[in-house]
């Protein structure tokens, strides 16, 4: 029997939220006034009725309860809840202002209502998501599916659902497809006998006519047909689909931040953050300049040619942490605490990453970003071009950064293996970029600086 619970969960969430909103309202009223409102003629009850109607409208606008098994995660649910609650509160306040009844209500009672509601609704979602996950892992509430196609794509689909059992999908077989009527009859018999919910069609193994036959078969038996194109060659390029009228066009982003908005947001953040650091950190900059100058003979700043975006060479700035003419010792990379080239003050600067503060000048100039893959020596560039040419070329499509996920997890790389490991961390950053990720990495970097774990 096909899954009868399809579509039930959104309705459960809607009614649960409405009940919790009303319970939170009455509880907040009792805590604020030590009594309960009258059910007839009380302005608070009138406001509650409006709040219920607005919640239905807001949740419909925000698509709060539009989710699939694949998108039903706690983080997504909480984000959706908060978004709807903010819009709901704004509309309720606007309604009260326009109706000129705002003075009738207690702000503390309204605030407490929203606080209680968000808390209990979040707890309810946590229990629901966790409970449903365990329920499906135990073998209940599952969807039945088959795969048409026996190639590598078929194995990948099956492997995905085997790995994510909490999604609740049960495999009933994979079949090659031929043009004879017996094959269609066998698949149709399978759909009827097993009450299949989904038929996955590997488009790389099928012709257009075969896909059309399977779609008509799904229509006859109310079975969902899912077409799976072979995009494996595009996934690491962060492809997205745009619709030109009715025609889907696959855009392959050959460089990260292809979106103009992403580029603008990242640049504005870089300028704003660097400006704040340079202004608020001016006393620290002056102190470090004095300490470096007094610690050993030589210039305050260390300048070196590094490889930037598109492989263009630029000059990076750092506080000098080594003795003058240290390059004559013939060492390519940092040797850790025992490196004879590093001054006593330089060891402290490196441990706390304070030697890299002047790189905010590079950010303001546009050579670097606050967060991005580390700018490399020509020696390391040649090494990575030989070891991992494809991934390294992707890193060259963005500006290098003062800090990066690779730098935090690996640190300075003095071997091919470490360079490649750091490279792979940075490539993952490019695949899932967001401004929030940048902010998280900055906080992690500050933690490294405070704990003195830099290398």
Protein backbone atom coordinates (compact mmCIF):
# COMPACT_ATOMS: atom_id res chain seq x y z
CA UNK A 1 0.00 0.00 0.00
CA UNK A 2 1.34 3.41 -0.94
CA UNK A 3 2.37 5.77 1.83
CA UNK A 4 -0.83 7.41 3.12
CA UNK A 5 1.07 9.85 5.31
CA UNK A 6 2.26 11.93 2.35
CA UNK A 7 1.20 15.53 2.93
CA UNK A 8 0.15 14.91 6.54
CA UNK A 9 3.27 16.33 8.20
CA UNK A 10 2.83 19.93 6.93
CA UNK A 11 -0.74 19.93 8.24
CA UNK A 12 0.43 18.61 11.61
CA UNK A 13 3.02 21.38 11.81
CA UNK A 14 0.47 24.07 10.91
CA UNK A 15 -2.07 23.03 13.53
CA UNK A 16 0.63 22.42 16.15
CA UNK A 17 2.01 25.92 15.62
CA UNK A 18 -1.46 27.46 15.90
CA UNK A 19 -2.12 25.59 19.15
CA UNK A 20 1.30 26.57 20.55
CA UNK A 21 0.77 30.20 19.52
CA UNK A 22 -2.50 30.32 21.45
CA UNK A 23 -1.09 28.50 24.47
CA UNK A 24 1.89 30.87 24.53
CA UNK A 25 -0.44 33.85 24.35
CA UNK A 26 -2.56 32.74 27.32
CA UNK A 27 0.51 31.72 29.34
CA UNK A 28 2.16 35.11 28.70
CA UNK A 29 -1.08 36.86 29.69
CA UNK A 30 -1.25 34.86 32.93
CA UNK A 31 2.37 35.62 33.77
CA UNK A 32 1.94 39.33 33.02
CA UNK A 33 -1.47 39.98 34.66
CA UNK A 34 -1.79 36.93 37.00
CA UNK A 35 -5.19 36.11 35.51
CA UNK A 36 -6.72 34.96 32.22
CA UNK A 37 -8.54 37.18 29.68
CA UNK A 38 -12.31 37.06 29.23
CA UNK A 39 -13.23 35.10 26.13
CA UNK A 40 -15.90 37.57 25.03
CA UNK A 41 -15.28 41.25 24.44
CA UNK A 42 -11.68 41.28 25.69
CA UNK A 43 -9.37 43.25 23.32
CA UNK A 44 -6.59 40.70 23.92
CA UNK A 45 -8.79 37.88 22.62
CA UNK A 46 -9.59 40.01 19.56
CA UNK A 47 -5.87 40.49 18.97
CA UNK A 48 -5.32 36.74 19.31
CA UNK A 49 -7.91 36.03 16.63
CA UNK A 50 -6.14 38.45 14.29
CA UNK A 51 -2.80 36.82 15.20
CA UNK A 52 -4.13 33.38 14.23
CA UNK A 53 -5.34 34.64 10.86
CA UNK A 54 -2.05 36.45 10.21
CA UNK A 55 -0.06 33.30 11.05
CA UNK A 56 -1.94 31.34 8.39
CA UNK A 57 -1.33 34.12 5.85
CA UNK A 58 2.35 34.57 6.78
CA UNK A 59 3.12 30.86 6.76
CA UNK A 60 1.50 30.53 3.36
CA UNK A 61 3.54 33.47 2.02
CA UNK A 62 6.80 32.22 3.53
CA UNK A 63 6.05 28.60 2.54
CA UNK A 64 6.80 27.58 6.11
CA UNK A 65 5.24 24.18 5.68
CA UNK A 66 6.44 23.49 2.14
CA UNK A 67 9.18 20.88 2.52
CA UNK A 68 10.19 17.48 1.25
CA UNK A 69 11.81 14.54 2.95
CA UNK A 70 15.14 15.75 1.66
CA UNK A 71 14.71 19.29 3.03
CA UNK A 72 13.13 18.29 6.35
CA UNK A 73 16.00 19.18 8.68
CA UNK A 74 16.02 20.94 12.04
CA UNK A 75 18.14 23.88 10.86
CA UNK A 76 15.86 24.52 7.89
CA UNK A 77 12.77 24.25 10.08
CA UNK A 78 14.13 26.70 12.67
CA UNK A 79 15.15 29.20 9.98
CA UNK A 80 11.69 29.01 8.44
CA UNK A 81 10.03 29.40 11.85
CA UNK A 82 12.06 32.50 12.74
CA UNK A 83 11.44 34.07 9.33
CA UNK A 84 7.70 33.59 9.65
CA UNK A 85 7.64 34.80 13.27
CA UNK A 86 9.48 38.03 12.37
CA UNK A 87 7.11 38.77 9.48
CA UNK A 88 4.11 37.88 11.66
CA UNK A 89 5.23 40.21 14.45
CA UNK A 90 5.81 43.03 11.98
CA UNK A 91 2.38 42.65 10.42
CA UNK A 92 0.67 42.40 13.82
CA UNK A 93 2.38 45.58 15.02
CA UNK A 94 1.42 47.33 11.77
CA UNK A 95 -2.20 46.22 12.19
CA UNK A 96 -2.31 47.50 15.77
CA UNK A 97 -0.82 50.84 14.68
CA UNK A 98 -3.21 51.30 11.77
CA UNK A 99 -6.17 50.34 13.96
CA UNK A 100 -4.90 52.78 16.60
CA UNK A 101 -5.26 50.20 19.36
CA UNK A 102 -1.61 49.82 20.30
CA UNK A 103 -2.08 51.55 23.65
CA UNK A 104 -4.55 48.85 24.71
CA UNK A 105 -1.92 46.13 24.83
CA UNK A 106 1.10 45.40 26.97
CA UNK A 107 4.38 45.27 25.03
CA UNK A 108 5.87 42.91 27.59
CA UNK A 109 2.95 40.51 27.18
CA UNK A 110 3.30 40.53 23.38
CA UNK A 111 7.09 40.08 23.58
CA UNK A 112 6.72 37.24 26.07
CA UNK A 113 4.16 35.58 23.79
CA UNK A 114 6.63 35.51 20.88
CA UNK A 115 9.48 34.36 23.08
CA UNK A 116 7.48 31.46 24.52
CA UNK A 117 6.05 30.54 21.12
CA UNK A 118 9.43 30.39 19.36
CA UNK A 119 10.87 28.34 22.24
CA UNK A 120 8.11 25.72 22.37
CA UNK A 121 7.74 25.59 18.57
CA UNK A 122 11.49 24.96 18.24
CA UNK A 123 11.32 22.19 20.86
CA UNK A 124 8.35 20.65 19.04
CA UNK A 125 10.32 20.66 15.78
CA UNK A 126 13.33 19.09 17.43
CA UNK A 127 11.20 16.24 18.76
CA UNK A 128 9.39 15.80 15.44
CA UNK A 129 12.53 15.78 13.30
CA UNK A 130 14.39 13.42 15.66
CA UNK A 131 11.40 11.14 16.20
CA UNK A 132 10.62 10.86 12.51
CA UNK A 133 14.27 10.15 11.74
CA UNK A 134 14.35 7.28 14.25
CA UNK A 135 10.95 6.02 13.05
CA UNK A 136 12.15 5.80 9.46
CA UNK A 137 15.48 4.27 10.40
CA UNK A 138 13.50 1.55 12.15
CA UNK A 139 11.87 0.70 8.82
CA UNK A 140 8.53 2.52 9.02
CA UNK A 141 6.95 5.30 6.95
CA UNK A 142 9.03 4.47 3.89
CA UNK A 143 8.60 5.17 0.18
CA UNK A 144 9.04 2.37 -2.34
CA UNK A 145 11.09 3.02 -5.45
CA UNK A 146 12.70 1.32 -8.43
CA UNK A 147 15.37 2.58 -10.80
CA UNK A 148 15.20 2.33 -14.58
CA UNK A 149 18.80 2.03 -15.75
CA UNK A 150 21.64 -0.18 -14.60
CA UNK A 151 24.62 2.13 -15.04
CA UNK A 152 26.79 4.01 -12.58
CA UNK A 153 24.10 6.63 -12.06
CA UNK A 154 21.73 3.94 -10.82
CA UNK A 155 24.30 2.80 -8.25
CA UNK A 156 24.76 6.39 -7.05
CA UNK A 157 21.01 6.85 -6.47
CA UNK A 158 20.74 3.63 -4.52
CA UNK A 159 23.89 4.41 -2.55
CA UNK A 160 22.52 7.81 -1.54
CA UNK A 161 19.36 6.35 -0.02
CA UNK A 162 21.24 3.49 1.63
CA UNK A 163 23.48 6.05 3.28
CA UNK A 164 20.57 8.30 4.33
CA UNK A 165 18.11 5.80 5.76
CA UNK A 166 16.40 8.49 7.79
CA UNK A 167 14.84 9.71 4.54
CA UNK A 168 12.75 6.53 4.45
CA UNK A 169 13.25 5.12 0.93
CA UNK A 170 13.16 1.37 0.25
CA UNK A 171 14.73 -0.08 -2.91
CA UNK A 172 12.70 -2.58 -4.95
CA UNK A 173 14.98 -3.18 -7.90
CA UNK A 174 16.86 -1.70 -10.86
CA UNK A 175 15.91 -2.55 -14.44
CA UNK A 176 17.44 -1.92 -17.83
CA UNK A 177 14.99 -0.58 -20.39
CA UNK A 178 14.28 -1.92 -23.86
CA UNK A 179 11.74 -0.92 -26.46
CA UNK A 180 9.77 -4.16 -26.36
CA UNK A 181 6.28 -4.17 -24.90
CA UNK A 182 7.18 -6.92 -22.43
CA UNK A 183 9.58 -4.61 -20.59
CA UNK A 184 6.87 -1.97 -20.09
CA UNK A 185 4.45 -4.69 -18.97
CA UNK A 186 6.96 -6.01 -16.39
CA UNK A 187 7.53 -2.54 -14.98
CA UNK A 188 3.78 -1.87 -14.88
CA UNK A 189 3.20 -5.17 -13.08
CA UNK A 190 5.93 -4.23 -10.58
CA UNK A 191 4.25 -0.87 -9.92
CA UNK A 192 0.87 -2.50 -9.29
CA UNK A 193 2.13 -5.37 -7.12
CA UNK A 194 4.53 -3.39 -4.93
CA UNK A 195 2.49 -0.15 -4.81
CA UNK A 196 5.54 1.84 -5.85
CA UNK A 197 5.75 5.51 -4.91
CA UNK A 198 8.59 6.53 -7.22
CA UNK A 199 10.24 5.41 -10.44
CA UNK A 200 13.69 6.90 -10.96
CA UNK A 201 14.68 7.18 -14.62
CA UNK A 202 18.40 7.51 -15.41
CA UNK A 203 18.22 9.74 -18.44
CA UNK A 204 21.71 8.84 -19.60
CA UNK A 205 20.44 5.27 -20.18
CA UNK A 206 17.13 6.21 -21.86
CA UNK A 207 15.90 7.79 -25.06
CA UNK A 208 13.31 10.57 -25.19
CA UNK A 209 10.62 8.12 -26.35
CA UNK A 210 11.40 5.74 -23.48
CA UNK A 211 11.14 8.57 -20.96
CA UNK A 212 7.77 9.57 -22.44
CA UNK A 213 6.52 5.97 -22.14
CA UNK A 214 7.52 5.83 -18.48
CA UNK A 215 5.84 9.18 -17.73
CA UNK A 216 2.58 7.93 -19.22
CA UNK A 217 2.97 4.75 -17.16
CA UNK A 218 3.34 6.82 -13.99
CA UNK A 219 0.25 8.86 -14.84
CA UNK A 220 -1.86 5.71 -15.20
CA UNK A 221 -0.88 4.40 -11.76
CA UNK A 222 -0.44 7.69 -9.86
CA UNK A 223 3.24 6.90 -9.36
CA UNK A 224 5.75 9.74 -9.30
CA UNK A 225 8.34 9.68 -12.07
CA UNK A 226 11.68 11.23 -11.18
CA UNK A 227 14.05 12.02 -14.05
CA UNK A 228 17.71 11.93 -13.08
CA UNK A 229 20.08 13.62 -15.56
CA UNK A 230 23.76 12.83 -15.37
CA UNK A 231 25.24 16.07 -13.99
CA UNK A 232 28.24 14.44 -12.34
CA UNK A 233 30.63 16.41 -14.53
CA UNK A 234 29.01 19.67 -13.49
CA UNK A 235 28.54 19.23 -9.72
CA UNK A 236 32.02 20.45 -8.79
CA UNK A 237 31.46 23.47 -11.06
CA UNK A 238 28.48 24.57 -8.97
CA UNK A 239 26.01 24.39 -11.86
CA UNK A 240 22.58 25.95 -11.59
CA UNK A 241 19.55 25.83 -13.87
CA UNK A 242 17.92 28.91 -15.35
CA UNK A 243 14.65 28.77 -17.29
CA UNK A 244 14.46 30.69 -20.57
CA UNK A 245 10.71 30.52 -21.11
CA UNK A 246 10.09 26.76 -20.96
CA UNK A 247 13.66 25.73 -21.76
CA UNK A 248 16.06 24.86 -18.91
CA UNK A 249 19.57 26.21 -19.42
CA UNK A 250 22.40 24.80 -17.31
CA UNK A 251 24.84 27.48 -16.26
CA UNK A 252 28.22 26.10 -15.20
CA UNK A 253 30.00 28.59 -12.96
CA UNK A 254 33.59 28.36 -14.08
CA UNK A 255 34.65 30.52 -11.15
CA UNK A 256 33.25 30.96 -7.61
CA UNK A 257 31.25 34.10 -6.86
CA UNK A 258 30.05 34.26 -10.49
CA UNK A 259 26.98 35.94 -9.10
CA UNK A 260 27.47 39.73 -9.15
CA UNK A 261 25.62 40.05 -5.85
CA UNK A 262 27.99 37.58 -4.16
CA UNK A 263 31.02 39.46 -5.46
CA UNK A 264 29.64 42.78 -4.27
CA UNK A 265 28.69 41.51 -0.81
CA UNK A 266 32.10 39.90 -0.31
CA UNK A 267 33.96 43.03 -1.43
CA UNK A 268 31.83 45.36 0.72
CA UNK A 269 32.37 43.08 3.73
CA UNK A 270 36.13 43.01 3.07
CA UNK A 271 36.35 46.80 2.91
CA UNK A 272 34.15 47.37 5.95
CA UNK A 273 35.86 44.74 8.11
CA UNK A 274 39.38 45.84 7.10
CA UNK A 275 38.53 49.47 7.74
CA UNK A 276 37.25 48.68 11.23
CA UNK A 277 40.35 46.59 12.03
CA UNK A 278 42.74 49.29 10.78
CA UNK A 279 41.00 52.08 12.73
CA UNK A 280 40.35 50.26 16.01
CA UNK A 281 43.64 48.40 15.82
CA UNK A 282 45.80 51.48 15.17
CA UNK A 283 47.31 51.51 18.70
CA UNK A 284 48.21 47.81 18.37
CA UNK A 285 49.74 48.43 14.94
CA UNK A 286 51.95 51.21 16.32
CA UNK A 287 53.00 49.06 19.28
CA UNK A 288 53.94 46.11 17.05
CA UNK A 289 55.87 48.39 14.72
CA UNK A 290 57.92 49.62 17.68
CA UNK A 291 58.49 46.10 19.05
CA UNK A 292 59.63 44.73 15.67
CA UNK A 293 61.96 47.67 15.11
CA UNK A 294 63.60 47.27 18.55
CA UNK A 295 63.78 43.45 18.45
CA UNK A 296 66.38 43.12 15.68
CA UNK A 297 68.03 45.19 12.97
CA UNK A 298 66.07 45.52 9.78
CA UNK A 299 62.85 46.91 8.33
CA UNK A 300 59.53 46.77 10.19
CA UNK A 301 57.59 45.24 7.34
CA UNK A 302 58.38 42.14 5.33
CA UNK A 303 57.39 42.26 1.68
CA UNK A 304 57.33 39.29 -0.63
CA UNK A 305 55.98 38.39 -4.08
CA UNK A 306 52.99 36.00 -3.92
CA UNK A 307 50.60 34.50 -6.43
CA UNK A 308 47.13 36.07 -6.41
CA UNK A 309 43.91 35.78 -8.38
CA UNK A 310 44.35 34.38 -11.89
CA UNK A 311 48.00 33.75 -11.00
CA UNK A 312 48.87 37.47 -11.01
CA UNK A 313 51.84 38.35 -8.82
CA UNK A 314 51.42 40.94 -6.07
CA UNK A 315 53.44 42.08 -3.07
CA UNK A 316 52.21 40.89 0.33
CA UNK A 317 52.87 42.82 3.58
CA UNK A 318 53.63 41.28 6.97
CA UNK A 319 55.38 42.33 10.16
CA UNK A 320 58.92 41.06 9.85
CA UNK A 321 59.36 37.91 11.97
CA UNK A 322 62.76 36.74 10.62
CA UNK A 323 66.28 38.06 10.69
CA UNK A 324 67.47 40.06 7.70
CA UNK A 325 68.88 37.89 4.86
CA UNK A 326 67.20 34.78 6.32
CA UNK A 327 66.58 33.54 2.76
CA UNK A 328 70.28 32.89 2.38
CA UNK A 329 69.93 29.87 4.69
CA UNK A 330 68.31 28.00 1.79
CA UNK A 331 65.12 26.95 3.59
CA UNK A 332 61.86 27.15 1.67
CA UNK A 333 59.30 26.75 4.47
CA UNK A 334 58.90 27.44 8.14
CA UNK A 335 60.63 24.85 10.33
CA UNK A 336 58.42 25.43 13.35
CA UNK A 337 59.69 26.53 16.76
CA UNK A 338 63.25 25.45 15.92
CA UNK A 339 63.53 27.58 12.79
CA UNK A 340 66.84 29.50 13.18
CA UNK A 341 65.64 32.31 10.90
CA UNK A 342 62.85 33.49 13.21
CA UNK A 343 63.51 36.15 15.84
CA UNK A 344 62.27 35.67 19.43
CA UNK A 345 59.60 38.33 18.86
CA UNK A 346 58.81 36.75 15.50
CA UNK A 347 57.92 33.47 17.20
CA UNK A 348 55.29 35.24 19.27
CA UNK A 349 53.97 37.12 16.25
CA UNK A 350 53.60 33.88 14.32
CA UNK A 351 51.96 31.98 17.15
CA UNK A 352 49.36 34.71 17.54
CA UNK A 353 49.14 35.43 13.77
CA UNK A 354 49.80 39.10 14.55
CA UNK A 355 52.50 39.17 11.88
CA UNK A 356 49.73 39.00 9.26
CA UNK A 357 47.84 42.13 10.36
CA UNK A 358 49.46 44.36 7.68
CA UNK A 359 47.74 42.19 5.07
CA UNK A 360 44.62 44.25 5.69
CA UNK A 361 46.42 46.85 3.54
CA UNK A 362 46.40 44.23 0.76
CA UNK A 363 42.68 43.76 1.28
CA UNK A 364 42.02 47.50 0.99
CA UNK A 365 44.16 47.62 -2.17
CA UNK A 366 42.10 44.80 -3.67
CA UNK A 367 44.90 42.22 -3.91
CA UNK A 368 43.40 40.00 -1.20
CA UNK A 369 40.19 39.17 0.65
CA UNK A 370 39.73 38.69 4.40
CA UNK A 371 38.80 35.03 3.86
CA UNK A 372 40.16 32.99 0.98
CA UNK A 373 42.90 30.50 0.08
CA UNK A 374 46.33 31.54 1.26
CA UNK A 375 48.58 33.39 -1.24
CA UNK A 376 51.48 31.11 -2.15
CA UNK A 377 55.13 31.36 -3.08
CA UNK A 378 56.05 30.45 -6.66
CA UNK A 379 57.68 27.31 -5.22
CA UNK A 380 54.33 26.14 -3.76
CA UNK A 381 52.44 27.14 -6.89
CA UNK A 382 54.66 24.93 -9.04
CA UNK A 383 54.30 22.09 -6.52
CA UNK A 384 50.49 22.20 -6.52
CA UNK A 385 50.23 22.66 -10.28
CA UNK A 386 52.03 19.33 -10.56
CA UNK A 387 50.22 17.54 -7.71
CA UNK A 388 46.62 18.83 -8.09
CA UNK A 389 46.37 20.98 -11.24
CA UNK A 390 42.56 20.96 -11.54
CA UNK A 391 41.74 21.94 -7.94
CA UNK A 392 44.57 24.46 -7.75
CA UNK A 393 43.39 26.23 -10.89
CA UNK A 394 40.02 26.65 -9.19
CA UNK A 395 41.70 28.38 -6.25
CA UNK A 396 43.33 30.81 -8.66
CA UNK A 397 39.86 32.06 -9.70
CA UNK A 398 39.38 33.90 -6.37
CA UNK A 399 41.38 36.39 -4.38
CA UNK A 400 43.69 34.90 -1.74
CA UNK A 401 42.79 35.60 1.87
CA UNK A 402 44.35 36.50 5.20
CA UNK A 403 42.78 33.39 6.69
CA UNK A 404 41.13 30.27 5.30
CA UNK A 405 39.63 27.00 6.44
CA UNK A 406 42.75 25.26 5.16
CA UNK A 407 45.03 27.58 7.11
CA UNK A 408 43.02 27.02 10.30
CA UNK A 409 42.95 23.22 10.01
CA UNK A 410 46.40 22.59 8.53
CA UNK A 411 48.48 25.71 9.17
CA UNK A 412 51.68 26.40 7.28
CA UNK A 413 52.40 23.63 4.78
CA UNK A 414 56.00 22.46 4.46
CA UNK A 415 55.38 19.25 2.46
CA UNK A 416 53.48 18.29 -0.67
CA UNK A 417 51.02 16.25 1.43
CA UNK A 418 50.19 19.20 3.70
CA UNK A 419 49.85 21.55 0.76
CA UNK A 420 47.40 19.19 -0.91
CA UNK A 421 45.46 18.71 2.35
CA UNK A 422 45.14 22.47 2.82
CA UNK A 423 44.17 22.82 -0.83
CA UNK A 424 41.27 20.37 -0.42
CA UNK A 425 39.90 22.26 2.58
CA UNK A 426 39.98 25.51 0.59
CA UNK A 427 38.26 23.93 -2.42
CA UNK A 428 35.41 22.82 -0.14
CA UNK A 429 35.08 26.42 1.05
CA UNK A 430 34.62 27.58 -2.53
CA UNK A 431 31.88 25.02 -3.13
CA UNK A 432 29.75 26.18 -0.21
CA UNK A 433 30.57 29.87 0.13
CA UNK A 434 28.40 32.18 2.21
CA UNK A 435 29.03 35.38 4.15
CA UNK A 436 28.07 33.52 7.33
CA UNK A 437 30.86 31.01 6.65
CA UNK A 438 33.33 33.88 6.33
CA UNK A 439 32.26 35.27 9.70
CA UNK A 440 32.57 31.84 11.34
CA UNK A 441 36.10 31.44 9.93
CA UNK A 442 37.07 34.86 11.25
CA UNK A 443 35.90 33.86 14.75
CA UNK A 444 37.89 30.61 14.49
CA UNK A 445 40.94 32.59 13.44
CA UNK A 446 40.56 34.91 16.45
CA UNK A 447 40.39 31.81 18.64
CA UNK A 448 43.66 30.55 17.12
CA UNK A 449 45.25 33.95 17.77
CA UNK A 450 44.11 34.14 21.40
CA UNK A 451 45.25 30.58 22.13
CA UNK A 452 48.55 31.08 20.29
CA UNK A 453 48.07 28.06 18.03
CA UNK A 454 49.39 29.64 14.85
CA UNK A 455 52.26 27.99 13.05
